[in-house]
Amino acid sequence: PVIGRHVPDRTGSWPATPEDLLAAYPDDGRFDVRIM
């Protein structure tokens, strides 16, 4: 699966905690994560 987002980089546009961030956008290679 390819997941991602193209939203301006502001504090309010990301999850609040590291745990929620990596749950939404995993870093283990399970998904292809693309950010713009």
Full PDB file with SEQRES, HELIX, SHEET, SSBOND, CRYST1, ORIGX, SCALE, CONECT and MASTER records, all heavy atoms in Angstrom:
SEQRES   1 A   36  PRO VAL ILE GLY ARG HIS VAL PRO ASP ARG THR GLY SER          
SEQRES   2 A   36  TRP PRO ALA THR PRO GLU ASP LEU LEU ALA ALA TYR PRO          
SEQRES   3 A   36  ASP ASP GLY ARG PHE ASP VAL ARG ILE MET                      
HELIX    1 AA1 THR A   11  SER A   13  5                                   3    
HELIX    2 AA2 PRO A   18  ALA A   24  1                                   7    
SHEET    1 AA1 2 VAL A   2  ARG A   5  0                                        
SHEET    2 AA1 2 ASP A  32  ILE A  35  1                                        
CRYST1    1.000    1.000    1.000  90.00  90.00  90.00 P 1           1          
ORIGX1      1.000000  0.000000  0.000000        0.00000                         
ORIGX2      0.000000  1.000000  0.000000        0.00000                         
ORIGX3      0.000000  0.000000  1.000000        0.00000                         
SCALE1      1.000000  0.000000  0.000000        0.00000                         
SCALE2      0.000000  1.000000  0.000000        0.00000                         
SCALE3      0.000000  0.000000  1.000000        0.00000                         
ATOM      1  N   PRO A   1       0.833  -1.203   0.000  1.00  0.00           N  
ATOM      2  CA  PRO A   1       0.000   0.000   0.000  1.00  0.00           C  
ATOM      3  C   PRO A   1       0.871   1.258   0.000  1.00  0.00           C  
ATOM      4  O   PRO A   1       1.876   1.328   0.708  1.00  0.00           O  
ATOM      5  CB  PRO A   1      -0.793  -0.121   1.306  1.00  0.00           C  
ATOM      6  CG  PRO A   1      -0.732  -1.566   1.678  1.00  0.00           C  
ATOM      7  CD  PRO A   1       0.576  -2.063   1.175  1.00  0.00           C  
ATOM      8  N   VAL A   2       0.464   2.241  -0.791  1.00  0.00           N  
ATOM      9  CA  VAL A   2       1.149   3.533  -0.817  1.00  0.00           C  
ATOM     10  C   VAL A   2       0.253   4.531  -0.099  1.00  0.00           C  
ATOM     11  O   VAL A   2      -0.867   4.811  -0.541  1.00  0.00           O  
ATOM     12  CB  VAL A   2       1.429   4.003  -2.255  1.00  0.00           C  
ATOM     13  CG1 VAL A   2       2.200   5.330  -2.237  1.00  0.00           C  
ATOM     14  CG2 VAL A   2       2.211   2.947  -3.033  1.00  0.00           C  
ATOM     15  N   ILE A   3       0.740   5.049   1.024  1.00  0.00           N  
ATOM     16  CA  ILE A   3      -0.027   6.027   1.780  1.00  0.00           C  
ATOM     17  C   ILE A   3       0.752   7.335   1.818  1.00  0.00           C  
ATOM     18  O   ILE A   3       1.972   7.353   1.638  1.00  0.00           O  
ATOM     19  CB  ILE A   3      -0.337   5.544   3.210  1.00  0.00           C  
ATOM     20  CG1 ILE A   3       0.923   5.582   4.085  1.00  0.00           C  
ATOM     21  CG2 ILE A   3      -0.926   4.141   3.192  1.00  0.00           C  
ATOM     22  CD1 ILE A   3       0.645   5.329   5.554  1.00  0.00           C  
ATOM     23  N   GLY A   4       0.053   8.435   2.035  1.00  0.00           N  
ATOM     24  CA  GLY A   4       0.764   9.703   2.111  1.00  0.00           C  
ATOM     25  C   GLY A   4      -0.163  10.877   2.278  1.00  0.00           C  
ATOM     26  O   GLY A   4      -1.375  10.723   2.490  1.00  0.00           O  
ATOM     27  N   ARG A   5       0.422  12.077   2.139  1.00  0.00           N  
ATOM     28  CA  ARG A   5      -0.313  13.324   2.334  1.00  0.00           C  
ATOM     29  C   ARG A   5       0.432  14.453   1.621  1.00  0.00           C  
ATOM     30  O   ARG A   5       1.641  14.378   1.417  1.00  0.00           O  
ATOM     31  CB  ARG A   5      -0.439  13.669   3.824  1.00  0.00           C  
ATOM     32  CG  ARG A   5       0.861  13.502   4.573  1.00  0.00           C  
ATOM     33  CD  ARG A   5       0.822  14.068   5.968  1.00  0.00           C  
ATOM     34  NE  ARG A   5       1.080  15.506   5.984  1.00  0.00           N  
ATOM     35  CZ  ARG A   5       0.773  16.308   6.989  1.00  0.00           C  
ATOM     36  NH1 ARG A   5       0.179  15.810   8.063  1.00  0.00           N  
ATOM     37  NH2 ARG A   5       1.048  17.593   6.943  1.00  0.00           N  
ATOM     38  N   HIS A   6      -0.324  15.494   1.239  1.00  0.00           N  
ATOM     39  CA  HIS A   6       0.276  16.684   0.630  1.00  0.00           C  
ATOM     40  C   HIS A   6      -0.319  17.926   1.298  1.00  0.00           C  
ATOM     41  O   HIS A   6      -1.063  18.689   0.714  1.00  0.00           O  
ATOM     42  CB  HIS A   6       0.054  16.704  -0.886  1.00  0.00           C  
ATOM     43  CG  HIS A   6      -1.360  16.944  -1.313  1.00  0.00           C  
ATOM     44  ND1 HIS A   6      -2.425  16.263  -0.764  1.00  0.00           N  
ATOM     45  CD2 HIS A   6      -1.913  17.799  -2.205  1.00  0.00           C  
ATOM     46  CE1 HIS A   6      -3.547  16.685  -1.315  1.00  0.00           C  
ATOM     47  NE2 HIS A   6      -3.268  17.622  -2.196  1.00  0.00           N  
ATOM     48  N   VAL A   7       0.018  18.086   2.551  1.00  0.00           N  
ATOM     49  CA  VAL A   7      -0.530  19.153   3.388  1.00  0.00           C  
ATOM     50  C   VAL A   7       0.633  20.008   3.874  1.00  0.00           C  
ATOM     51  O   VAL A   7       1.690  19.474   4.228  1.00  0.00           O  
ATOM     52  CB  VAL A   7      -1.296  18.559   4.592  1.00  0.00           C  
ATOM     53  CG1 VAL A   7      -1.897  19.670   5.444  1.00  0.00           C  
ATOM     54  CG2 VAL A   7      -2.385  17.604   4.115  1.00  0.00           C  
ATOM     55  N   PRO A   8       0.492  21.343   3.887  1.00  0.00           N  
ATOM     56  CA  PRO A   8       1.582  22.192   4.377  1.00  0.00           C  
ATOM     57  C   PRO A   8       2.061  21.774   5.765  1.00  0.00           C  
ATOM     58  O   PRO A   8       1.275  21.382   6.624  1.00  0.00           O  
ATOM     59  CB  PRO A   8       0.954  23.586   4.396  1.00  0.00           C  
ATOM     60  CG  PRO A   8      -0.088  23.539   3.331  1.00  0.00           C  
ATOM     61  CD  PRO A   8      -0.643  22.149   3.388  1.00  0.00           C  
ATOM     62  N   ASP A   9       3.366  21.861   5.963  1.00  0.00           N  
ATOM     63  CA  ASP A   9       4.006  21.385   7.184  1.00  0.00           C  
ATOM     64  C   ASP A   9       3.839  22.405   8.310  1.00  0.00           C  
ATOM     65  O   ASP A   9       4.601  23.365   8.421  1.00  0.00           O  
ATOM     66  CB  ASP A   9       5.500  21.142   6.907  1.00  0.00           C  
ATOM     67  CG  ASP A   9       6.239  20.635   8.123  1.00  0.00           C  
ATOM     68  OD1 ASP A   9       5.583  20.062   9.010  1.00  0.00           O  
ATOM     69  OD2 ASP A   9       7.470  20.810   8.190  1.00  0.00           O  
ATOM     70  N   ARG A  10       2.810  22.186   9.119  1.00  0.00           N  
ATOM     71  CA  ARG A  10       2.578  22.995  10.313  1.00  0.00           C  
ATOM     72  C   ARG A  10       2.330  22.055  11.488  1.00  0.00           C  
ATOM     73  O   ARG A  10       1.867  20.925  11.293  1.00  0.00           O  
ATOM     74  CB  ARG A  10       1.357  23.902  10.130  1.00  0.00           C  
ATOM     75  CG  ARG A  10       1.510  24.953   9.052  1.00  0.00           C  
ATOM     76  CD  ARG A  10       0.309  25.892   9.045  1.00  0.00           C  
ATOM     77  NE  ARG A  10      -0.891  25.236   8.590  1.00  0.00           N  
ATOM     78  CZ  ARG A  10      -1.337  25.291   7.330  1.00  0.00           C  
ATOM     79  NH1 ARG A  10      -0.666  25.956   6.416  1.00  0.00           N  
ATOM     80  NH2 ARG A  10      -2.451  24.667   6.993  1.00  0.00           N  
ATOM     81  N   THR A  11       2.617  22.529  12.691  1.00  0.00           N  
ATOM     82  CA  THR A  11       2.403  21.693  13.872  1.00  0.00           C  
ATOM     83  C   THR A  11       0.973  21.168  13.922  1.00  0.00           C  
ATOM     84  O   THR A  11       0.723  20.010  14.255  1.00  0.00           O  
ATOM     85  CB  THR A  11       2.713  22.483  15.153  1.00  0.00           C  
ATOM     86  OG1 THR A  11       4.075  22.919  15.106  1.00  0.00           O  
ATOM     87  CG2 THR A  11       2.492  21.629  16.392  1.00  0.00           C  
ATOM     88  N   GLY A  12       0.016  22.030  13.552  1.00  0.00           N  
ATOM     89  CA  GLY A  12      -1.379  21.636  13.618  1.00  0.00           C  
ATOM     90  C   GLY A  12      -1.810  20.622  12.583  1.00  0.00           C  
ATOM     91  O   GLY A  12      -2.915  20.090  12.664  1.00  0.00           O  
ATOM     92  N   SER A  13      -0.968  20.347  11.596  1.00  0.00           N  
ATOM     93  CA  SER A  13      -1.357  19.408  10.539  1.00  0.00           C  
ATOM     94  C   SER A  13      -0.765  18.014  10.733  1.00  0.00           C  
ATOM     95  O   SER A  13      -0.866  17.174   9.842  1.00  0.00           O  
ATOM     96  CB  SER A  13      -0.951  19.955   9.169  1.00  0.00           C  
ATOM     97  OG  SER A  13       0.447  19.899   8.988  1.00  0.00           O  
ATOM     98  N   TRP A  14      -0.153  17.766  11.911  1.00  0.00           N  
ATOM     99  CA  TRP A  14       0.418  16.449  12.211  1.00  0.00           C  
ATOM    100  C   TRP A  14      -0.148  15.932  13.533  1.00  0.00           C  
ATOM    101  O   TRP A  14      -0.628  16.710  14.353  1.00  0.00           O  
ATOM    102  CB  TRP A  14       1.937  16.534  12.317  1.00  0.00           C  
ATOM    103  CG  TRP A  14       2.641  16.821  11.039  1.00  0.00           C  
ATOM    104  CD1 TRP A  14       3.043  18.040  10.573  1.00  0.00           C  
ATOM    105  CD2 TRP A  14       3.039  15.867  10.051  1.00  0.00           C  
ATOM    106  NE1 TRP A  14       3.664  17.903   9.351  1.00  0.00           N  
ATOM    107  CE2 TRP A  14       3.678  16.584   9.012  1.00  0.00           C  
ATOM    108  CE3 TRP A  14       2.920  14.482   9.937  1.00  0.00           C  
ATOM    109  CZ2 TRP A  14       4.191  15.962   7.879  1.00  0.00           C  
ATOM    110  CZ3 TRP A  14       3.437  13.855   8.812  1.00  0.00           C  
ATOM    111  CH2 TRP A  14       4.069  14.592   7.800  1.00  0.00           C  
ATOM    112  N   PRO A  15      -0.067  14.621  13.774  1.00  0.00           N  
ATOM    113  CA  PRO A  15      -0.495  14.093  15.071  1.00  0.00           C  
ATOM    114  C   PRO A  15       0.284  14.727  16.231  1.00  0.00           C  
ATOM    115  O   PRO A  15       1.353  15.307  16.037  1.00  0.00           O  
ATOM    116  CB  PRO A  15      -0.203  12.590  14.957  1.00  0.00           C  
ATOM    117  CG  PRO A  15      -0.237  12.305  13.482  1.00  0.00           C  
ATOM    118  CD  PRO A  15       0.327  13.546  12.837  1.00  0.00           C  
ATOM    119  N   ALA A  16      -0.256  14.578  17.429  1.00  0.00           N  
ATOM    120  CA  ALA A  16       0.312  15.259  18.589  1.00  0.00           C  
ATOM    121  C   ALA A  16       1.485  14.519  19.214  1.00  0.00           C  
ATOM    122  O   ALA A  16       2.337  15.135  19.859  1.00  0.00           O  
ATOM    123  CB  ALA A  16      -0.772  15.475  19.647  1.00  0.00           C  
ATOM    124  N   THR A  17       1.548  13.191  19.049  1.00  0.00           N  
ATOM    125  CA  THR A  17       2.569  12.402  19.745  1.00  0.00           C  
ATOM    126  C   THR A  17       3.369  11.554  18.757  1.00  0.00           C  
ATOM    127  O   THR A  17       2.868  11.212  17.670  1.00  0.00           O  
ATOM    128  CB  THR A  17       1.927  11.453  20.776  1.00  0.00           C  
ATOM    129  OG1 THR A  17       1.147  10.450  20.075  1.00  0.00           O  
ATOM    130  CG2 THR A  17       1.026  12.233  21.734  1.00  0.00           C  
ATOM    131  N   PRO A  18       4.603  11.176  19.129  1.00  0.00           N  
ATOM    132  CA  PRO A  18       5.379  10.277  18.259  1.00  0.00           C  
ATOM    133  C   PRO A  18       4.658   8.961  18.010  1.00  0.00           C  
ATOM    134  O   PRO A  18       4.744   8.397  16.910  1.00  0.00           O  
ATOM    135  CB  PRO A  18       6.681  10.066  19.039  1.00  0.00           C  
ATOM    136  CG  PRO A  18       6.789  11.251  19.945  1.00  0.00           C  
ATOM    137  CD  PRO A  18       5.376  11.610  20.304  1.00  0.00           C  
ATOM    138  N   GLU A  19       3.971   8.453  19.026  1.00  0.00           N  
ATOM    139  CA  GLU A  19       3.265   7.177  18.881  1.00  0.00           C  
ATOM    140  C   GLU A  19       2.173   7.263  17.822  1.00  0.00           C  
ATOM    141  O   GLU A  19       2.041   6.368  16.958  1.00  0.00           O  
ATOM    142  CB  GLU A  19       2.674   6.746  20.226  1.00  0.00           C  
ATOM    143  CG  GLU A  19       3.683   6.398  21.294  1.00  0.00           C  
ATOM    144  CD  GLU A  19       4.343   7.624  21.935  1.00  0.00           C  
ATOM    145  OE1 GLU A  19       3.790   8.746  21.786  1.00  0.00           O  
ATOM    146  OE2 GLU A  19       5.406   7.460  22.566  1.00  0.00           O  
ATOM    147  N   ASP A  20       1.379   8.326  17.874  1.00  0.00           N  
ATOM    148  CA  ASP A  20       0.324   8.491  16.878  1.00  0.00           C  
ATOM    149  C   ASP A  20       0.910   8.756  15.492  1.00  0.00           C  
ATOM    150  O   ASP A  20       0.363   8.291  14.483  1.00  0.00           O  
ATOM    151  CB  ASP A  20      -0.604   9.637  17.278  1.00  0.00           C  
ATOM    152  CG  ASP A  20      -1.583   9.248  18.376  1.00  0.00           C  
ATOM    153  OD1 ASP A  20      -1.685   8.040  18.675  1.00  0.00           O  
ATOM    154  OD2 ASP A  20      -2.236  10.150  18.932  1.00  0.00           O  
ATOM    155  N   LEU A  21       2.004   9.494  15.436  1.00  0.00           N  
ATOM    156  CA  LEU A  21       2.638   9.771  14.141  1.00  0.00           C  
ATOM    157  C   LEU A  21       3.065   8.489  13.447  1.00  0.00           C  
ATOM    158  O   LEU A  21       2.772   8.272  12.264  1.00  0.00           O  
ATOM    159  CB  LEU A  21       3.839  10.693  14.356  1.00  0.00           C  
ATOM    160  CG  LEU A  21       4.664  11.014  13.109  1.00  0.00           C  
ATOM    161  CD1 LEU A  21       3.870  11.877  12.133  1.00  0.00           C  
ATOM    162  CD2 LEU A  21       5.966  11.714  13.485  1.00  0.00           C  
ATOM    163  N   LEU A  22       3.764   7.610  14.183  1.00  0.00           N  
ATOM    164  CA  LEU A  22       4.266   6.375  13.570  1.00  0.00           C  
ATOM    165  C   LEU A  22       3.176   5.325  13.409  1.00  0.00           C  
ATOM    166  O   LEU A  22       3.351   4.376  12.645  1.00  0.00           O  
ATOM    167  CB  LEU A  22       5.429   5.827  14.395  1.00  0.00           C  
ATOM    168  CG  LEU A  22       6.689   6.704  14.377  1.00  0.00           C  
ATOM    169  CD1 LEU A  22       7.785   6.074  15.216  1.00  0.00           C  
ATOM    170  CD2 LEU A  22       7.176   6.928  12.942  1.00  0.00           C  
ATOM    171  N   ALA A  23       2.068   5.473  14.121  1.00  0.00           N  
ATOM    172  CA  ALA A  23       0.923   4.593  13.878  1.00  0.00           C  
ATOM    173  C   ALA A  23       0.246   4.974  12.563  1.00  0.00           C  
ATOM    174  O   ALA A  23      -0.167   4.106  11.786  1.00  0.00           O  
ATOM    175  CB  ALA A  23      -0.070   4.674  15.030  1.00  0.00           C  
ATOM    176  N   ALA A  24       0.138   6.280  12.317  1.00  0.00           N  
ATOM    177  CA  ALA A  24      -0.512   6.746  11.090  1.00  0.00           C  
ATOM    178  C   ALA A  24       0.383   6.579   9.870  1.00  0.00           C  
ATOM    179  O   ALA A  24      -0.106   6.280   8.772  1.00  0.00           O  
ATOM    180  CB  ALA A  24      -0.917   8.217  11.249  1.00  0.00           C  
ATOM    181  N   TYR A  25       1.686   6.780  10.051  1.00  0.00           N  
ATOM    182  CA  TYR A  25       2.659   6.700   8.953  1.00  0.00           C  
ATOM    183  C   TYR A  25       3.799   5.775   9.389  1.00  0.00           C  
ATOM    184  O   TYR A  25       4.861   6.228   9.820  1.00  0.00           O  
ATOM    185  CB  TYR A  25       3.208   8.093   8.614  1.00  0.00           C  
ATOM    186  CG  TYR A  25       2.137   9.129   8.396  1.00  0.00           C  
ATOM    187  CD1 TYR A  25       1.771  10.005   9.415  1.00  0.00           C  
ATOM    188  CD2 TYR A  25       1.457   9.228   7.180  1.00  0.00           C  
ATOM    189  CE1 TYR A  25       0.770  10.953   9.236  1.00  0.00           C  
ATOM    190  CE2 TYR A  25       0.463  10.169   6.990  1.00  0.00           C  
ATOM    191  CZ  TYR A  25       0.121  11.034   8.027  1.00  0.00           C  
ATOM    192  OH  TYR A  25      -0.863  11.964   7.844  1.00  0.00           O  
ATOM    193  N   PRO A  26       3.592   4.452   9.308  1.00  0.00           N  
ATOM    194  CA  PRO A  26       4.555   3.496   9.871  1.00  0.00           C  
ATOM    195  C   PRO A  26       5.957   3.640   9.278  1.00  0.00           C  
ATOM    196  O   PRO A  26       6.129   3.992   8.109  1.00  0.00           O  
ATOM    197  CB  PRO A  26       3.938   2.144   9.508  1.00  0.00           C  
ATOM    198  CG  PRO A  26       2.475   2.421   9.353  1.00  0.00           C  
ATOM    199  CD  PRO A  26       2.399   3.795   8.758  1.00  0.00           C  
ATOM    200  N   ASP A  27       6.953   3.320  10.113  1.00  0.00           N  
ATOM    201  CA  ASP A  27       8.348   3.426   9.682  1.00  0.00           C  
ATOM    202  C   ASP A  27       9.014   2.060   9.551  1.00  0.00           C  
ATOM    203  O   ASP A  27      10.248   1.968   9.471  1.00  0.00           O  
ATOM    204  CB  ASP A  27       9.142   4.281  10.674  1.00  0.00           C  
ATOM    205  CG  ASP A  27       9.221   3.671  12.072  1.00  0.00           C  
ATOM    206  OD1 ASP A  27       8.448   2.718  12.349  1.00  0.00           O  
ATOM    207  OD2 ASP A  27      10.044   4.137  12.880  1.00  0.00           O  
ATOM    208  N   ASP A  28       8.206   0.987   9.523  1.00  0.00           N  
ATOM    209  CA  ASP A  28       8.786  -0.357   9.489  1.00  0.00           C  
ATOM    210  C   ASP A  28       8.832  -0.963   8.088  1.00  0.00           C  
ATOM    211  O   ASP A  28       9.168  -2.139   7.925  1.00  0.00           O  
ATOM    212  CB  ASP A  28       8.001  -1.285  10.418  1.00  0.00           C  
ATOM    213  CG  ASP A  28       6.514  -1.352  10.070  1.00  0.00           C  
ATOM    214  OD1 ASP A  28       6.105  -0.748   9.042  1.00  0.00           O  
ATOM    215  OD2 ASP A  28       5.753  -2.001  10.824  1.00  0.00           O  
ATOM    216  N   GLY A  29       8.505  -0.169   7.058  1.00  0.00           N  
ATOM    217  CA  GLY A  29       8.539  -0.675   5.689  1.00  0.00           C  
ATOM    218  C   GLY A  29       7.297  -1.415   5.271  1.00  0.00           C  
ATOM    219  O   GLY A  29       7.202  -1.866   4.120  1.00  0.00           O  
ATOM    220  N   ARG A  30       6.339  -1.537   6.174  1.00  0.00           N  
ATOM    221  CA  ARG A  30       5.103  -2.259   5.837  1.00  0.00           C  
ATOM    222  C   ARG A  30       4.317  -1.526   4.754  1.00  0.00           C  
ATOM    223  O   ARG A  30       3.693  -2.143   3.891  1.00  0.00           O  
ATOM    224  CB  ARG A  30       4.265  -2.403   7.092  1.00  0.00           C  
ATOM    225  CG  ARG A  30       2.972  -3.195   6.924  1.00  0.00           C  
ATOM    226  CD  ARG A  30       2.355  -3.427   8.287  1.00  0.00           C  
ATOM    227  NE  ARG A  30       1.084  -4.114   8.232  1.00  0.00           N  
ATOM    228  CZ  ARG A  30       0.403  -4.476   9.325  1.00  0.00           C  
ATOM    229  NH1 ARG A  30       0.889  -4.236  10.519  1.00  0.00           N  
ATOM    230  NH2 ARG A  30      -0.753  -5.095   9.210  1.00  0.00           N  
ATOM    231  N   PHE A  31       4.337  -0.192   4.803  1.00  0.00           N  
ATOM    232  CA  PHE A  31       3.692   0.644   3.794  1.00  0.00           C  
ATOM    233  C   PHE A  31       4.745   1.504   3.115  1.00  0.00           C  
ATOM    234  O   PHE A  31       5.783   1.824   3.691  1.00  0.00           O  
ATOM    235  CB  PHE A  31       2.641   1.565   4.419  1.00  0.00           C  
ATOM    236  CG  PHE A  31       1.512   0.862   5.116  1.00  0.00           C  
ATOM    237  CD1 PHE A  31       0.807   1.513   6.118  1.00  0.00           C  
ATOM    238  CD2 PHE A  31       1.138  -0.422   4.777  1.00  0.00           C  
ATOM    239  CE1 PHE A  31      -0.243   0.888   6.772  1.00  0.00           C  
ATOM    240  CE2 PHE A  31       0.096  -1.066   5.417  1.00  0.00           C  
ATOM    241  CZ  PHE A  31      -0.607  -0.414   6.425  1.00  0.00           C  
ATOM    242  N   ASP A  32       4.451   1.894   1.903  1.00  0.00           N  
ATOM    243  CA  ASP A  32       5.245   2.882   1.183  1.00  0.00           C  
ATOM    244  C   ASP A  32       4.676   4.251   1.556  1.00  0.00           C  
ATOM    245  O   ASP A  32       3.548   4.574   1.195  1.00  0.00           O  
ATOM    246  CB  ASP A  32       5.111   2.612  -0.323  1.00  0.00           C  
ATOM    247  CG  ASP A  32       5.957   3.540  -1.172  1.00  0.00           C  
ATOM    248  OD1 ASP A  32       6.384   4.607  -0.672  1.00  0.00           O  
ATOM    249  OD2 ASP A  32       6.179   3.221  -2.348  1.00  0.00           O  
ATOM    250  N   VAL A  33       5.426   5.051   2.307  1.00  0.00           N  
ATOM    251  CA  VAL A  33       4.944   6.325   2.843  1.00  0.00           C  
ATOM    252  C   VAL A  33       5.560   7.473   2.040  1.00  0.00           C  
ATOM    253  O   VAL A  33       6.781   7.559   1.909  1.00  0.00           O  
ATOM    254  CB  VAL A  33       5.304   6.472   4.334  1.00  0.00           C  
ATOM    255  CG1 VAL A  33       4.827   7.822   4.863  1.00  0.00           C  
ATOM    256  CG2 VAL A  33       4.699   5.331   5.148  1.00  0.00           C  
ATOM    257  N   ARG A  34       4.709   8.352   1.522  1.00  0.00           N  
ATOM    258  CA  ARG A  34       5.177   9.477   0.704  1.00  0.00           C  
ATOM    259  C   ARG A  34       4.559  10.776   1.231  1.00  0.00           C  
ATOM    260  O   ARG A  34       3.353  10.848   1.438  1.00  0.00           O  
ATOM    261  CB  ARG A  34       4.829   9.261  -0.766  1.00  0.00           C  
ATOM    262  CG  ARG A  34       5.357   7.928  -1.264  1.00  0.00           C  
ATOM    263  CD  ARG A  34       5.237   7.731  -2.748  1.00  0.00           C  
ATOM    264  NE  ARG A  34       5.657   6.394  -3.116  1.00  0.00           N  
ATOM    265  CZ  ARG A  34       5.832   5.970  -4.367  1.00  0.00           C  
ATOM    266  NH1 ARG A  34       5.613   6.804  -5.377  1.00  0.00           N  
ATOM    267  NH2 ARG A  34       6.221   4.730  -4.606  1.00  0.00           N  
ATOM    268  N   ILE A  35       5.420  11.766   1.406  1.00  0.00           N  
ATOM    269  CA  ILE A  35       5.025  13.026   2.021  1.00  0.00           C  
ATOM    270  C   ILE A  35       5.408  14.179   1.101  1.00  0.00           C  
ATOM    271  O   ILE A  35       6.550  14.263   0.638  1.00  0.00           O  
ATOM    272  CB  ILE A  35       5.732  13.228   3.389  1.00  0.00           C  
ATOM    273  CG1 ILE A  35       5.516  12.028   4.314  1.00  0.00           C  
ATOM    274  CG2 ILE A  35       5.295  14.537   4.039  1.00  0.00           C  
ATOM    275  CD1 ILE A  35       4.102  11.830   4.762  1.00  0.00           C  
ATOM    276  N   MET A  36       4.462  15.087   0.842  1.00  0.00           N  
ATOM    277  CA  MET A  36       4.768  16.310   0.118  1.00  0.00           C  
ATOM    278  C   MET A  36       4.204  17.496   0.890  1.00  0.00           C  
ATOM    279  O   MET A  36       3.126  17.399   1.463  1.00  0.00           O  
ATOM    280  CB  MET A  36       4.181  16.288  -1.303  1.00  0.00           C  
ATOM    281  CG  MET A  36       4.677  17.457  -2.166  1.00  0.00           C  
ATOM    282  SD  MET A  36       4.179  17.342  -3.912  1.00  0.00           S  
ATOM    283  CE  MET A  36       2.495  17.962  -3.833  1.00  0.00           C  
TER     284      MET A  36                                                      
MASTER        0    0    0    2    2    0    0    6  283    1    0    3          
END                                                                             
